[in-house]
């Protein structure tokens, strides 16, 4: 099988999907401030801004800007670490947890509406295939060298391809 032709078709289909309003809404909802809020909610503990920066792979200035905006909304608090006064700790407030819960409900509703367009059988198959792809990519991520990571390369896969 020629995976390059399939890749071209996939890219064209993904371009159409990415241009659609529901997909843009879901994608936008998982970036920036909402990503920070979800990260804090998932960890359910005080976090250093540097941890958020590392997870998002963005500058500390970008994270500081997001934290300022989120703090103005009352969704987080920041305070000095009593154990090390050089560190600032970030906490999710009750209002922040409520905002994350509302966002999850909204995201899940948008996604369910999009999946319903496929019908039950195709929706289940699509979710299964995306899960399989995500697991395979995660496995390959673990096998990549630091040099491959910096270049954004994945080891080749398929029949006869070497496994790292």
Protein backbone atom coordinates (compact mmCIF):
# COMPACT_ATOMS: atom_id res chain seq x y z
CA UNK A 1 0.00 0.00 0.00
CA UNK A 2 1.23 3.49 -0.82
CA UNK A 3 0.78 5.39 2.42
CA UNK A 4 1.81 8.67 0.75
CA UNK A 5 -1.32 8.75 -1.42
CA UNK A 6 -3.43 7.93 1.60
CA UNK A 7 -1.64 10.67 3.55
CA UNK A 8 -2.52 13.22 0.86
CA UNK A 9 -6.17 12.22 1.00
CA UNK A 10 -6.11 12.33 4.79
CA UNK A 11 -4.52 15.80 4.76
CA UNK A 12 -7.14 17.11 2.37
CA UNK A 13 -9.93 15.67 4.53
CA UNK A 14 -8.37 17.10 7.71
CA UNK A 15 -8.09 20.53 6.06
CA UNK A 16 -11.82 20.45 5.34
CA UNK A 17 -12.55 19.28 8.88
CA UNK A 18 -10.27 21.89 10.45
CA UNK A 19 -12.06 24.62 8.50
CA UNK A 20 -15.45 23.56 9.85
CA UNK A 21 -17.00 25.65 12.61
CA UNK A 22 -17.62 22.79 15.10
CA UNK A 23 -14.04 21.59 14.81
CA UNK A 24 -12.64 25.14 15.18
CA UNK A 25 -14.78 25.66 18.28
CA UNK A 26 -13.55 22.43 19.85
CA UNK A 27 -9.93 23.15 18.91
CA UNK A 28 -10.03 26.72 20.23
CA UNK A 29 -11.62 25.52 23.46
CA UNK A 30 -8.61 23.31 24.18
CA UNK A 31 -5.98 26.02 23.79
CA UNK A 32 -4.67 28.85 25.93
CA UNK A 33 -6.55 29.63 29.08
CA UNK A 34 -8.72 26.52 28.94
CA UNK A 35 -5.65 24.33 28.56
CA UNK A 36 -4.23 25.93 31.72
CA UNK A 37 -7.48 25.42 33.59
CA UNK A 38 -7.73 21.78 32.51
CA UNK A 39 -4.10 21.19 33.48
CA UNK A 40 -4.75 22.62 36.95
CA UNK A 41 -7.98 20.63 37.33
CA UNK A 42 -6.33 17.38 36.25
CA UNK A 43 -3.46 17.84 38.68
CA UNK A 44 -5.74 18.96 41.54
CA UNK A 45 -2.83 20.50 43.43
CA UNK A 46 -0.79 23.68 43.55
CA UNK A 47 1.29 24.11 40.41
CA UNK A 48 4.33 26.15 39.48
CA UNK A 49 3.86 28.34 36.39
CA UNK A 50 6.99 26.69 34.94
CA UNK A 51 5.21 23.33 34.95
CA UNK A 52 2.40 24.82 32.87
CA UNK A 53 4.92 26.40 30.51
CA UNK A 54 6.72 23.08 30.04
CA UNK A 55 3.48 21.17 29.44
CA UNK A 56 2.20 23.71 26.91
CA UNK A 57 5.63 24.16 25.34
CA UNK A 58 5.24 27.94 25.43
CA UNK A 59 7.24 30.75 27.01
CA UNK A 60 6.85 31.70 30.65
CA UNK A 61 5.70 35.14 29.45
CA UNK A 62 2.81 33.54 27.54
CA UNK A 63 1.83 31.52 30.61
CA UNK A 64 2.07 34.63 32.82
CA UNK A 65 -0.28 36.45 30.44
CA UNK A 66 -2.77 33.57 30.52
CA UNK A 67 -2.55 33.37 34.32
CA UNK A 68 -3.17 37.12 34.62
CA UNK A 69 -6.32 36.82 32.50
CA UNK A 70 -7.54 33.77 34.39
CA UNK A 71 -6.84 35.38 37.75
CA UNK A 72 -8.88 38.47 36.75
CA UNK A 73 -11.82 36.13 36.12
CA UNK A 74 -11.44 34.71 39.64
CA UNK A 75 -10.65 31.21 38.39
CA UNK A 76 -7.18 30.89 39.98
CA UNK A 77 -5.19 32.30 42.86
CA UNK A 78 -1.44 32.76 43.03
CA UNK A 79 0.61 32.94 46.19
CA UNK A 80 4.21 32.69 47.34
CA UNK A 81 5.37 29.21 48.32
CA UNK A 82 5.97 29.34 52.11
CA UNK A 83 8.70 26.69 51.75
CA UNK A 84 10.57 28.66 49.07
CA UNK A 85 9.69 32.33 48.81
CA UNK A 86 11.18 32.51 45.30
CA UNK A 87 8.40 30.33 43.92
CA UNK A 88 4.83 31.24 43.04
CA UNK A 89 2.15 28.57 43.33
CA UNK A 90 -1.05 28.54 41.29
CA UNK A 91 -4.36 27.14 42.60
CA UNK A 92 -7.68 26.57 40.89
CA UNK A 93 -10.57 28.28 42.74
CA UNK A 94 -14.04 26.84 43.17
CA UNK A 95 -15.19 29.17 40.37
CA UNK A 96 -12.34 27.86 38.20
CA UNK A 97 -13.42 24.27 38.81
CA UNK A 98 -16.98 25.22 37.88
CA UNK A 99 -15.71 26.86 34.66
CA UNK A 100 -13.76 23.71 33.74
CA UNK A 101 -16.78 21.49 34.42
CA UNK A 102 -18.97 23.73 32.22
CA UNK A 103 -16.33 23.69 29.50
CA UNK A 104 -16.11 19.88 29.58
CA UNK A 105 -19.89 19.60 29.26
CA UNK A 106 -19.90 22.06 26.33
CA UNK A 107 -16.95 20.36 24.59
CA UNK A 108 -18.52 16.93 25.02
CA UNK A 109 -21.84 18.20 23.64
CA UNK A 110 -20.15 19.74 20.58
CA UNK A 111 -18.17 16.55 20.00
CA UNK A 112 -21.26 14.36 20.41
CA UNK A 113 -23.12 16.50 17.88
CA UNK A 114 -20.24 16.17 15.42
CA UNK A 115 -19.99 12.39 15.94
CA UNK A 116 -23.75 11.99 15.49
CA UNK A 117 -23.28 13.11 11.87
CA UNK A 118 -21.46 9.82 11.26
CA UNK A 119 -24.14 7.54 12.67
CA UNK A 120 -23.61 5.09 15.52
CA UNK A 121 -21.47 2.47 13.79
CA UNK A 122 -19.13 4.90 12.01
CA UNK A 123 -18.83 7.10 15.10
CA UNK A 124 -17.73 4.12 17.20
CA UNK A 125 -15.26 3.06 14.51
CA UNK A 126 -13.87 6.61 14.18
CA UNK A 127 -13.34 6.88 17.95
CA UNK A 128 -11.71 3.42 17.99
CA UNK A 129 -9.33 4.34 15.15
CA UNK A 130 -8.38 7.70 16.64
CA UNK A 131 -7.67 5.93 19.94
CA UNK A 132 -5.54 3.33 18.19
CA UNK A 133 -3.59 6.05 16.37
CA UNK A 134 -3.08 8.00 19.61
CA UNK A 135 -1.76 4.90 21.40
CA UNK A 136 0.60 4.06 18.52
CA UNK A 137 1.94 7.61 18.40
CA UNK A 138 2.45 7.54 22.18
CA UNK A 139 4.45 4.30 21.84
CA UNK A 140 6.62 5.83 19.12
CA UNK A 141 7.10 8.99 21.18
CA UNK A 142 8.71 6.82 23.84
CA UNK A 143 11.09 5.31 21.27
CA UNK A 144 12.21 8.58 19.65
CA UNK A 145 15.68 9.92 20.21
CA UNK A 146 16.09 13.49 21.51
CA UNK A 147 17.32 14.49 18.04
CA UNK A 148 14.17 13.08 16.41
CA UNK A 149 12.01 14.89 18.96
CA UNK A 150 13.66 18.23 18.15
CA UNK A 151 13.07 17.70 14.43
CA UNK A 152 9.49 16.48 14.93
CA UNK A 153 10.27 13.13 13.33
CA UNK A 154 8.62 9.80 13.97
CA UNK A 155 10.24 6.46 13.26
CA UNK A 156 8.80 4.90 10.07
CA UNK A 157 6.12 2.23 10.50
CA UNK A 158 4.52 -0.36 8.34
CA UNK A 159 5.56 -3.72 6.92
CA UNK A 160 9.31 -4.07 6.93
CA UNK A 161 9.90 -0.73 8.67
CA UNK A 162 12.52 -0.83 11.41
CA UNK A 163 11.21 -0.44 14.94
CA UNK A 164 13.13 1.76 17.33
